[in-house]
Amino acid sequence: MATYSKRGYKAPKERAVDDSTENVNIDEKDSTTAEVFSTLDETASKTEDFVAKNQNFIIGIVGAVALVTIGYLVYQKFIAEPKQVEAANEMFVAQQNFQQATDGVASDSLYKLSLNGSEGKFGFIKIADEYSGTDAGNLANYYAGMAYLNTGKYNEAIDYLSKFKSEDIVLGALAKGAIGDAYAQNKKPQEALDNYLKAVVANKNDFTTPRFLLKAGKTALELGKKEDALKYFTDIKDNFDASPEAASVDVLIGLAQ
């Protein structure tokens, strides 16, 4: 049979096959995210390596912190608390002597007993030394300072009262005011005035504030500071008119004007 070609017919060309790798466009954000995760992986790996290499050191640090914490708790439970109770028991007799002295019963001798001890118990001096760091030891500084003040030992009074620290606003003010009294007795009016003013600002109340304002005013007059004295006396008149100190403040205001 004869063959023929249809007019206009063209045999299709074979499609070329591209064996090259297809180009893929990667979003810039995808690339950044991949870098971040890669960095995190590297960091985590480095951290693991550090822990692995230094685990003995790390365990030692953790152990030391735990040891300090346990040591503190043991100290509080078995040393500090019993020491506080022991100091309070020691101070009972000294406090009794001090109280009787302030009531005017053989004051000098009782103040000395409160300082040096009696009936087999420590006095405030020994308690302040032996039990320093306890509440009782701190309070012993206050009592010792006041006992010395009342027996004319002004330098010793300043020393012990300066060691006393208190969050009690009234007792703290009384201690500062007593230091002022000791300086006044030592003929140091400027130091006395400074401490009276510390007592005034320590706490505003109807008991200690007018008391030390009055002492501050009188001391300021002694120093020739009339303007300051007038300010202190006027404060009493305006703000503490019901206090005993207000009874004579008008005369003092007249002196300061």
C-alpha atoms as a PDB file:
ATOM      1  CA  MET A   1       0.000   0.000   0.000  1.00  0.00           C
ATOM      2  CA  ALA A   2       1.237   3.361  -0.837  1.00  0.00           C
ATOM      3  CA  THR A   3       1.958   5.769   2.028  1.00  0.00           C
ATOM      4  CA  TYR A   4       1.361   9.459   1.927  1.00  0.00           C
ATOM      5  CA  SER A   5       1.742  12.500   4.095  1.00  0.00           C
ATOM      6  CA  LYS A   6      -1.206  14.634   5.002  1.00  0.00           C
ATOM      7  CA  ARG A   7      -0.715  18.131   3.751  1.00  0.00           C
ATOM      8  CA  GLY A   8       0.076  20.536   6.474  1.00  0.00           C
ATOM      9  CA  TYR A   9       0.885  17.866   8.993  1.00  0.00           C
ATOM     10  CA  LYS A  10       4.066  18.268  11.019  1.00  0.00           C
ATOM     11  CA  ALA A  11       5.386  15.682  13.348  1.00  0.00           C
ATOM     12  CA  PRO A  12       5.688  16.985  16.881  1.00  0.00           C
ATOM     13  CA  LYS A  13       9.148  17.758  18.133  1.00  0.00           C
ATOM     14  CA  GLU A  14      10.440  15.808  21.064  1.00  0.00           C
ATOM     15  CA  ARG A  15      10.271  17.865  24.271  1.00  0.00           C
ATOM     16  CA  ALA A  16      13.655  18.550  25.685  1.00  0.00           C
ATOM     17  CA  VAL A  17      14.153  17.315  29.211  1.00  0.00           C
ATOM     18  CA  ASP A  18      16.030  19.723  31.528  1.00  0.00           C
ATOM     19  CA  ASP A  19      18.039  17.609  33.934  1.00  0.00           C
ATOM     20  CA  SER A  20      19.285  20.702  35.827  1.00  0.00           C
ATOM     21  CA  THR A  21      18.036  21.365  39.375  1.00  0.00           C
ATOM     22  CA  GLU A  22      14.958  23.600  39.432  1.00  0.00           C
ATOM     23  CA  ASN A  23      15.562  27.039  40.926  1.00  0.00           C
ATOM     24  CA  VAL A  24      13.643  27.522  44.197  1.00  0.00           C
ATOM     25  CA  ASN A  25      12.991  31.006  45.563  1.00  0.00           C
ATOM     26  CA  ILE A  26      13.235  31.092  49.464  1.00  0.00           C
ATOM     27  CA  ASP A  27      11.415  33.831  51.315  1.00  0.00           C
ATOM     28  CA  GLU A  28      13.782  36.093  53.280  1.00  0.00           C
ATOM     29  CA  LYS A  29      11.667  35.678  56.442  1.00  0.00           C
ATOM     30  CA  ASP A  30      11.920  31.901  56.158  1.00  0.00           C
ATOM     31  CA  SER A  31      15.668  32.224  55.943  1.00  0.00           C
ATOM     32  CA  THR A  32      15.840  34.466  59.057  1.00  0.00           C
ATOM     33  CA  THR A  33      13.662  32.062  61.057  1.00  0.00           C
ATOM     34  CA  ALA A  34      15.894  29.184  60.089  1.00  0.00           C
ATOM     35  CA  GLU A  35      18.947  31.123  61.246  1.00  0.00           C
ATOM     36  CA  VAL A  36      17.298  31.869  64.603  1.00  0.00           C
ATOM     37  CA  PHE A  37      16.451  28.232  65.227  1.00  0.00           C
ATOM     38  CA  SER A  38      19.943  27.270  64.180  1.00  0.00           C
ATOM     39  CA  THR A  39      21.390  29.766  66.659  1.00  0.00           C
ATOM     40  CA  LEU A  40      19.129  28.472  69.436  1.00  0.00           C
ATOM     41  CA  ASP A  41      20.206  24.935  68.704  1.00  0.00           C
ATOM     42  CA  GLU A  42      23.841  25.972  68.886  1.00  0.00           C
ATOM     43  CA  THR A  43      23.267  27.889  72.151  1.00  0.00           C
ATOM     44  CA  ALA A  44      21.440  24.967  73.726  1.00  0.00           C
ATOM     45  CA  SER A  45      24.231  22.685  72.669  1.00  0.00           C
ATOM     46  CA  LYS A  46      26.844  24.989  74.176  1.00  0.00           C
ATOM     47  CA  THR A  47      24.837  25.227  77.423  1.00  0.00           C
ATOM     48  CA  GLU A  48      24.622  21.468  77.631  1.00  0.00           C
ATOM     49  CA  ASP A  49      28.355  21.253  77.065  1.00  0.00           C
ATOM     50  CA  PHE A  50      29.006  23.830  79.784  1.00  0.00           C
ATOM     51  CA  VAL A  51      26.792  21.985  82.279  1.00  0.00           C
ATOM     52  CA  ALA A  52      28.409  18.697  81.398  1.00  0.00           C
ATOM     53  CA  LYS A  53      31.912  20.085  81.833  1.00  0.00           C
ATOM     54  CA  ASN A  54      31.160  22.073  84.995  1.00  0.00           C
ATOM     55  CA  GLN A  55      28.565  19.946  86.731  1.00  0.00           C
ATOM     56  CA  ASN A  56      30.779  19.372  89.769  1.00  0.00           C
ATOM     57  CA  PHE A  57      31.255  23.109  90.196  1.00  0.00           C
ATOM     58  CA  ILE A  58      27.521  23.816  89.797  1.00  0.00           C
ATOM     59  CA  ILE A  59      26.615  21.084  92.258  1.00  0.00           C
ATOM     60  CA  GLY A  60      29.122  22.585  94.684  1.00  0.00           C
ATOM     61  CA  ILE A  61      27.534  26.045  94.417  1.00  0.00           C
ATOM     62  CA  VAL A  62      24.025  24.671  94.944  1.00  0.00           C
ATOM     63  CA  GLY A  63      25.274  22.634  97.870  1.00  0.00           C
ATOM     64  CA  ALA A  64      26.960  25.660  99.436  1.00  0.00           C
ATOM     65  CA  VAL A  65      23.761  27.745  99.212  1.00  0.00           C
ATOM     66  CA  ALA A  66      21.772  24.911 100.763  1.00  0.00           C
ATOM     67  CA  LEU A  67      24.372  24.535 103.505  1.00  0.00           C
ATOM     68  CA  VAL A  68      24.249  28.251 104.355  1.00  0.00           C
ATOM     69  CA  THR A  69      20.445  28.181 104.489  1.00  0.00           C
ATOM     70  CA  ILE A  70      20.371  25.111 106.700  1.00  0.00           C
ATOM     71  CA  GLY A  71      23.121  26.578 108.878  1.00  0.00           C
ATOM     72  CA  TYR A  72      21.141  29.780 109.367  1.00  0.00           C
ATOM     73  CA  LEU A  73      18.010  27.869 110.358  1.00  0.00           C
ATOM     74  CA  VAL A  74      19.977  25.680 112.749  1.00  0.00           C
ATOM     75  CA  TYR A  75      21.658  28.749 114.274  1.00  0.00           C
ATOM     76  CA  GLN A  76      18.305  30.475 114.800  1.00  0.00           C
ATOM     77  CA  LYS A  77      16.687  27.401 116.306  1.00  0.00           C
ATOM     78  CA  PHE A  78      19.432  26.014 118.507  1.00  0.00           C
ATOM     79  CA  ILE A  79      21.703  28.988 119.262  1.00  0.00           C
ATOM     80  CA  ALA A  80      20.037  32.396 118.746  1.00  0.00           C
ATOM     81  CA  GLU A  81      16.652  31.599 120.273  1.00  0.00           C
ATOM     82  CA  PRO A  82      18.025  29.879 123.407  1.00  0.00           C
ATOM     83  CA  LYS A  83      20.575  32.694 123.791  1.00  0.00           C
ATOM     84  CA  GLN A  84      17.782  35.261 123.630  1.00  0.00           C
ATOM     85  CA  VAL A  85      15.807  33.436 126.335  1.00  0.00           C
ATOM     86  CA  GLU A  86      18.919  33.094 128.483  1.00  0.00           C
ATOM     87  CA  ALA A  87      19.703  36.822 128.144  1.00  0.00           C
ATOM     88  CA  ALA A  88      16.148  37.767 129.115  1.00  0.00           C
ATOM     89  CA  ASN A  89      16.371  35.578 132.217  1.00  0.00           C
ATOM     90  CA  GLU A  90      19.692  37.151 133.181  1.00  0.00           C
ATOM     91  CA  MET A  91      18.295  40.663 132.798  1.00  0.00           C
ATOM     92  CA  PHE A  92      15.256  40.239 135.051  1.00  0.00           C
ATOM     93  CA  VAL A  93      17.072  41.096 138.299  1.00  0.00           C
ATOM     94  CA  ALA A  94      18.947  44.005 136.700  1.00  0.00           C
ATOM     95  CA  GLN A  95      15.666  45.450 135.482  1.00  0.00           C
ATOM     96  CA  GLN A  96      14.170  45.164 138.952  1.00  0.00           C
ATOM     97  CA  ASN A  97      17.113  47.070 140.442  1.00  0.00           C
ATOM     98  CA  PHE A  98      16.828  49.723 137.750  1.00  0.00           C
ATOM     99  CA  GLN A  99      13.089  50.177 138.317  1.00  0.00           C
ATOM    100  CA  GLN A 100      13.521  50.523 142.075  1.00  0.00           C
ATOM    101  CA  ALA A 101      16.286  53.081 141.476  1.00  0.00           C
ATOM    102  CA  THR A 102      14.016  55.190 139.257  1.00  0.00           C
ATOM    103  CA  ASP A 103      11.386  55.058 141.992  1.00  0.00           C
ATOM    104  CA  GLY A 104      13.884  56.806 144.277  1.00  0.00           C
ATOM    105  CA  VAL A 105      14.838  53.924 146.589  1.00  0.00           C
ATOM    106  CA  ALA A 106      18.604  54.069 147.274  1.00  0.00           C
ATOM    107  CA  SER A 107      19.019  55.159 143.698  1.00  0.00           C
ATOM    108  CA  ASP A 108      22.806  55.302 143.293  1.00  0.00           C
ATOM    109  CA  SER A 109      23.483  51.901 144.803  1.00  0.00           C
ATOM    110  CA  LEU A 110      20.624  50.265 142.882  1.00  0.00           C
ATOM    111  CA  TYR A 111      21.754  51.778 139.597  1.00  0.00           C
ATOM    112  CA  LYS A 112      25.200  50.340 140.266  1.00  0.00           C
ATOM    113  CA  LEU A 113      23.713  46.927 141.018  1.00  0.00           C
ATOM    114  CA  SER A 114      21.737  47.088 137.785  1.00  0.00           C
ATOM    115  CA  LEU A 115      24.982  47.822 135.934  1.00  0.00           C
ATOM    116  CA  ASN A 116      27.242  45.295 137.632  1.00  0.00           C
ATOM    117  CA  GLY A 117      24.829  42.528 138.596  1.00  0.00           C
ATOM    118  CA  SER A 118      23.501  40.995 141.816  1.00  0.00           C
ATOM    119  CA  GLU A 119      21.977  37.806 143.198  1.00  0.00           C
ATOM    120  CA  GLY A 120      24.165  35.732 140.914  1.00  0.00           C
ATOM    121  CA  LYS A 121      22.789  37.417 137.787  1.00  0.00           C
ATOM    122  CA  PHE A 122      24.566  39.596 135.249  1.00  0.00           C
ATOM    123  CA  GLY A 123      24.174  43.355 135.190  1.00  0.00           C
ATOM    124  CA  PHE A 124      23.480  45.381 132.070  1.00  0.00           C
ATOM    125  CA  ILE A 125      27.170  45.793 131.235  1.00  0.00           C
ATOM    126  CA  LYS A 126      27.803  42.047 131.109  1.00  0.00           C
ATOM    127  CA  ILE A 127      24.521  41.341 129.324  1.00  0.00           C
ATOM    128  CA  ALA A 128      25.268  43.918 126.617  1.00  0.00           C
ATOM    129  CA  ASP A 129      28.664  42.287 126.076  1.00  0.00           C
ATOM    130  CA  GLU A 130      27.832  38.591 126.442  1.00  0.00           C
ATOM    131  CA  TYR A 131      24.571  38.737 124.504  1.00  0.00           C
ATOM    132  CA  SER A 132      25.348  41.295 121.828  1.00  0.00           C
ATOM    133  CA  GLY A 133      23.285  40.603 118.740  1.00  0.00           C
ATOM    134  CA  THR A 134      20.190  39.665 120.734  1.00  0.00           C
ATOM    135  CA  ASP A 135      17.239  41.907 121.532  1.00  0.00           C
ATOM    136  CA  ALA A 136      18.046  41.648 125.239  1.00  0.00           C
ATOM    137  CA  GLY A 137      21.679  42.595 124.638  1.00  0.00           C
ATOM    138  CA  ASN A 138      20.587  45.629 122.630  1.00  0.00           C
ATOM    139  CA  LEU A 139      18.107  46.699 125.315  1.00  0.00           C
ATOM    140  CA  ALA A 140      20.830  46.316 127.929  1.00  0.00           C
ATOM    141  CA  ASN A 141      22.718  49.096 126.107  1.00  0.00           C
ATOM    142  CA  TYR A 142      19.776  51.418 126.702  1.00  0.00           C
ATOM    143  CA  TYR A 143      19.435  50.526 130.372  1.00  0.00           C
ATOM    144  CA  ALA A 144      23.183  50.811 130.947  1.00  0.00           C
ATOM    145  CA  GLY A 145      23.265  54.220 129.289  1.00  0.00           C
ATOM    146  CA  MET A 146      20.391  55.491 131.394  1.00  0.00           C
ATOM    147  CA  ALA A 147      21.921  54.093 134.593  1.00  0.00           C
ATOM    148  CA  TYR A 148      25.226  55.803 133.810  1.00  0.00           C
ATOM    149  CA  LEU A 149      23.394  59.054 133.026  1.00  0.00           C
ATOM    150  CA  ASN A 150      21.650  58.939 136.389  1.00  0.00           C
ATOM    151  CA  THR A 151      24.910  58.291 138.248  1.00  0.00           C
ATOM    152  CA  GLY A 152      26.835  61.117 136.598  1.00  0.00           C
ATOM    153  CA  LYS A 153      28.939  58.968 134.235  1.00  0.00           C
ATOM    154  CA  TYR A 154      28.134  60.977 131.142  1.00  0.00           C
ATOM    155  CA  ASN A 155      30.765  59.679 128.734  1.00  0.00           C
ATOM    156  CA  GLU A 156      29.769  56.094 129.514  1.00  0.00           C
ATOM    157  CA  ALA A 157      26.123  57.060 129.091  1.00  0.00           C
ATOM    158  CA  ILE A 158      26.798  58.450 125.612  1.00  0.00           C
ATOM    159  CA  ASP A 159      28.772  55.337 124.681  1.00  0.00           C
ATOM    160  CA  TYR A 160      26.058  52.846 125.630  1.00  0.00           C
ATOM    161  CA  LEU A 161      23.108  54.897 124.407  1.00  0.00           C
ATOM    162  CA  SER A 162      24.826  55.346 121.029  1.00  0.00           C
ATOM    163  CA  LYS A 163      25.016  51.557 120.675  1.00  0.00           C
ATOM    164  CA  PHE A 164      21.303  51.166 121.263  1.00  0.00           C
ATOM    165  CA  LYS A 165      19.178  50.634 118.144  1.00  0.00           C
ATOM    166  CA  SER A 166      15.418  50.496 118.269  1.00  0.00           C
ATOM    167  CA  GLU A 167      12.446  50.433 115.936  1.00  0.00           C
ATOM    168  CA  ASP A 168      10.297  51.548 118.858  1.00  0.00           C
ATOM    169  CA  ILE A 169       9.693  55.189 117.997  1.00  0.00           C
ATOM    170  CA  VAL A 170       9.241  56.398 121.573  1.00  0.00           C
ATOM    171  CA  LEU A 171      12.176  54.475 123.048  1.00  0.00           C
ATOM    172  CA  GLY A 172      14.407  55.537 120.159  1.00  0.00           C
ATOM    173  CA  ALA A 173      13.519  59.187 120.752  1.00  0.00           C
ATOM    174  CA  LEU A 174      14.151  58.856 124.492  1.00  0.00           C
ATOM    175  CA  ALA A 175      17.602  57.390 123.831  1.00  0.00           C
ATOM    176  CA  LYS A 176      18.577  60.280 121.523  1.00  0.00           C
ATOM    177  CA  GLY A 177      17.234  62.800 124.013  1.00  0.00           C
ATOM    178  CA  ALA A 178      19.200  61.150 126.824  1.00  0.00           C
ATOM    179  CA  ILE A 179      22.372  61.478 124.741  1.00  0.00           C
ATOM    180  CA  GLY A 180      21.511  65.190 124.498  1.00  0.00           C
ATOM    181  CA  ASP A 181      21.196  65.347 128.290  1.00  0.00           C
ATOM    182  CA  ALA A 182      24.603  63.701 128.704  1.00  0.00           C
ATOM    183  CA  TYR A 183      26.228  66.226 126.367  1.00  0.00           C
ATOM    184  CA  ALA A 184      24.478  69.065 128.201  1.00  0.00           C
ATOM    185  CA  GLN A 185      25.900  67.819 131.505  1.00  0.00           C
ATOM    186  CA  ASN A 186      29.330  67.636 129.857  1.00  0.00           C
ATOM    187  CA  LYS A 187      29.008  71.333 128.939  1.00  0.00           C
ATOM    188  CA  LYS A 188      28.713  70.635 125.222  1.00  0.00           C
ATOM    189  CA  PRO A 189      25.550  72.550 124.294  1.00  0.00           C
ATOM    190  CA  GLN A 190      25.872  72.270 120.513  1.00  0.00           C
ATOM    191  CA  GLU A 191      26.121  68.472 120.673  1.00  0.00           C
ATOM    192  CA  ALA A 192      23.238  68.494 123.132  1.00  0.00           C
ATOM    193  CA  LEU A 193      21.108  70.586 120.757  1.00  0.00           C
ATOM    194  CA  ASP A 194      21.900  68.300 117.818  1.00  0.00           C
ATOM    195  CA  ASN A 195      20.679  65.266 119.738  1.00  0.00           C
ATOM    196  CA  TYR A 196      17.578  66.984 121.103  1.00  0.00           C
ATOM    197  CA  LEU A 197      16.601  67.782 117.526  1.00  0.00           C
ATOM    198  CA  LYS A 198      17.219  64.170 116.507  1.00  0.00           C
ATOM    199  CA  ALA A 199      14.868  63.145 119.296  1.00  0.00           C
ATOM    200  CA  VAL A 200      12.250  65.631 118.049  1.00  0.00           C
ATOM    201  CA  VAL A 201      12.247  64.330 114.468  1.00  0.00           C
ATOM    202  CA  ALA A 202      12.503  60.665 115.481  1.00  0.00           C
ATOM    203  CA  ASN A 203       8.764  60.646 116.066  1.00  0.00           C
ATOM    204  CA  LYS A 204       6.049  63.258 116.449  1.00  0.00           C
ATOM    205  CA  ASN A 205       4.008  62.436 119.536  1.00  0.00           C
ATOM    206  CA  ASP A 206       2.501  64.223 122.533  1.00  0.00           C
ATOM    207  CA  PHE A 207       4.994  62.718 124.992  1.00  0.00           C
ATOM    208  CA  THR A 208       8.546  63.030 123.689  1.00  0.00           C
ATOM    209  CA  THR A 209       8.191  65.792 121.078  1.00  0.00           C
ATOM    210  CA  PRO A 210       7.271  68.750 123.343  1.00  0.00           C
ATOM    211  CA  ARG A 211       9.740  67.514 125.947  1.00  0.00           C
ATOM    212  CA  PHE A 212      12.705  67.706 123.590  1.00  0.00           C
ATOM    213  CA  LEU A 213      11.463  70.804 121.784  1.00  0.00           C
ATOM    214  CA  LEU A 214      11.594  72.570 125.142  1.00  0.00           C
ATOM    215  CA  LYS A 215      15.141  71.326 125.808  1.00  0.00           C
ATOM    216  CA  ALA A 216      16.172  72.263 122.272  1.00  0.00           C
ATOM    217  CA  GLY A 217      14.746  75.757 122.741  1.00  0.00           C
ATOM    218  CA  LYS A 218      16.497  76.344 126.050  1.00  0.00           C
ATOM    219  CA  THR A 219      19.784  75.075 124.644  1.00  0.00           C
ATOM    220  CA  ALA A 220      19.407  77.274 121.558  1.00  0.00           C
ATOM    221  CA  LEU A 221      18.905  80.268 123.876  1.00  0.00           C
ATOM    222  CA  GLU A 222      22.088  79.296 125.712  1.00  0.00           C
ATOM    223  CA  LEU A 223      23.920  79.283 122.383  1.00  0.00           C
ATOM    224  CA  GLY A 224      22.490  82.686 121.461  1.00  0.00           C
ATOM    225  CA  LYS A 225      20.337  81.241 118.686  1.00  0.00           C
ATOM    226  CA  LYS A 226      17.187  83.163 119.550  1.00  0.00           C
ATOM    227  CA  GLU A 227      15.523  82.724 116.181  1.00  0.00           C
ATOM    228  CA  ASP A 228      15.844  78.925 116.414  1.00  0.00           C
ATOM    229  CA  ALA A 229      14.727  78.938 120.034  1.00  0.00           C
ATOM    230  CA  LEU A 230      11.627  80.957 119.116  1.00  0.00           C
ATOM    231  CA  LYS A 231      10.774  78.415 116.434  1.00  0.00           C
ATOM    232  CA  TYR A 232      10.983  75.501 118.890  1.00  0.00           C
ATOM    233  CA  PHE A 233       8.946  77.272 121.594  1.00  0.00           C
ATOM    234  CA  THR A 234       6.308  78.345 119.082  1.00  0.00           C
ATOM    235  CA  ASP A 235       6.002  74.764 117.870  1.00  0.00           C
ATOM    236  CA  ILE A 236       5.084  73.733 121.420  1.00  0.00           C
ATOM    237  CA  LYS A 237       2.538  76.536 121.758  1.00  0.00           C
ATOM    238  CA  ASP A 238       0.885  75.842 118.393  1.00  0.00           C
ATOM    239  CA  ASN A 239       0.925  72.057 118.311  1.00  0.00           C
ATOM    240  CA  PHE A 240       1.299  70.766 121.863  1.00  0.00           C
ATOM    241  CA  ASP A 241      -0.681  73.268 123.929  1.00  0.00           C
ATOM    242  CA  ALA A 242      -2.054  70.516 126.214  1.00  0.00           C
ATOM    243  CA  SER A 243       1.413  69.288 127.194  1.00  0.00           C
ATOM    244  CA  PRO A 244       3.072  70.174 130.543  1.00  0.00           C
ATOM    245  CA  GLU A 245       5.828  71.942 128.577  1.00  0.00           C
ATOM    246  CA  ALA A 246       3.308  74.420 127.179  1.00  0.00           C
ATOM    247  CA  ALA A 247       2.622  75.846 130.662  1.00  0.00           C
ATOM    248  CA  SER A 248       5.782  77.984 130.690  1.00  0.00           C
ATOM    249  CA  VAL A 249       6.340  78.395 126.978  1.00  0.00           C
ATOM    250  CA  ASP A 250       4.905  81.963 126.763  1.00  0.00           C
ATOM    251  CA  VAL A 251       7.644  83.265 129.074  1.00  0.00           C
ATOM    252  CA  LEU A 252      10.291  81.514 126.990  1.00  0.00           C
ATOM    253  CA  ILE A 253       8.828  82.913 123.780  1.00  0.00           C
ATOM    254  CA  GLY A 254       9.204  86.365 125.307  1.00  0.00           C
ATOM    255  CA  LEU A 255      12.884  85.672 126.045  1.00  0.00           C
ATOM    256  CA  ALA A 256      13.498  84.478 122.513  1.00  0.00           C
ATOM    257  CA  GLN A 257      11.880  87.479 120.788  1.00  0.00           C
END
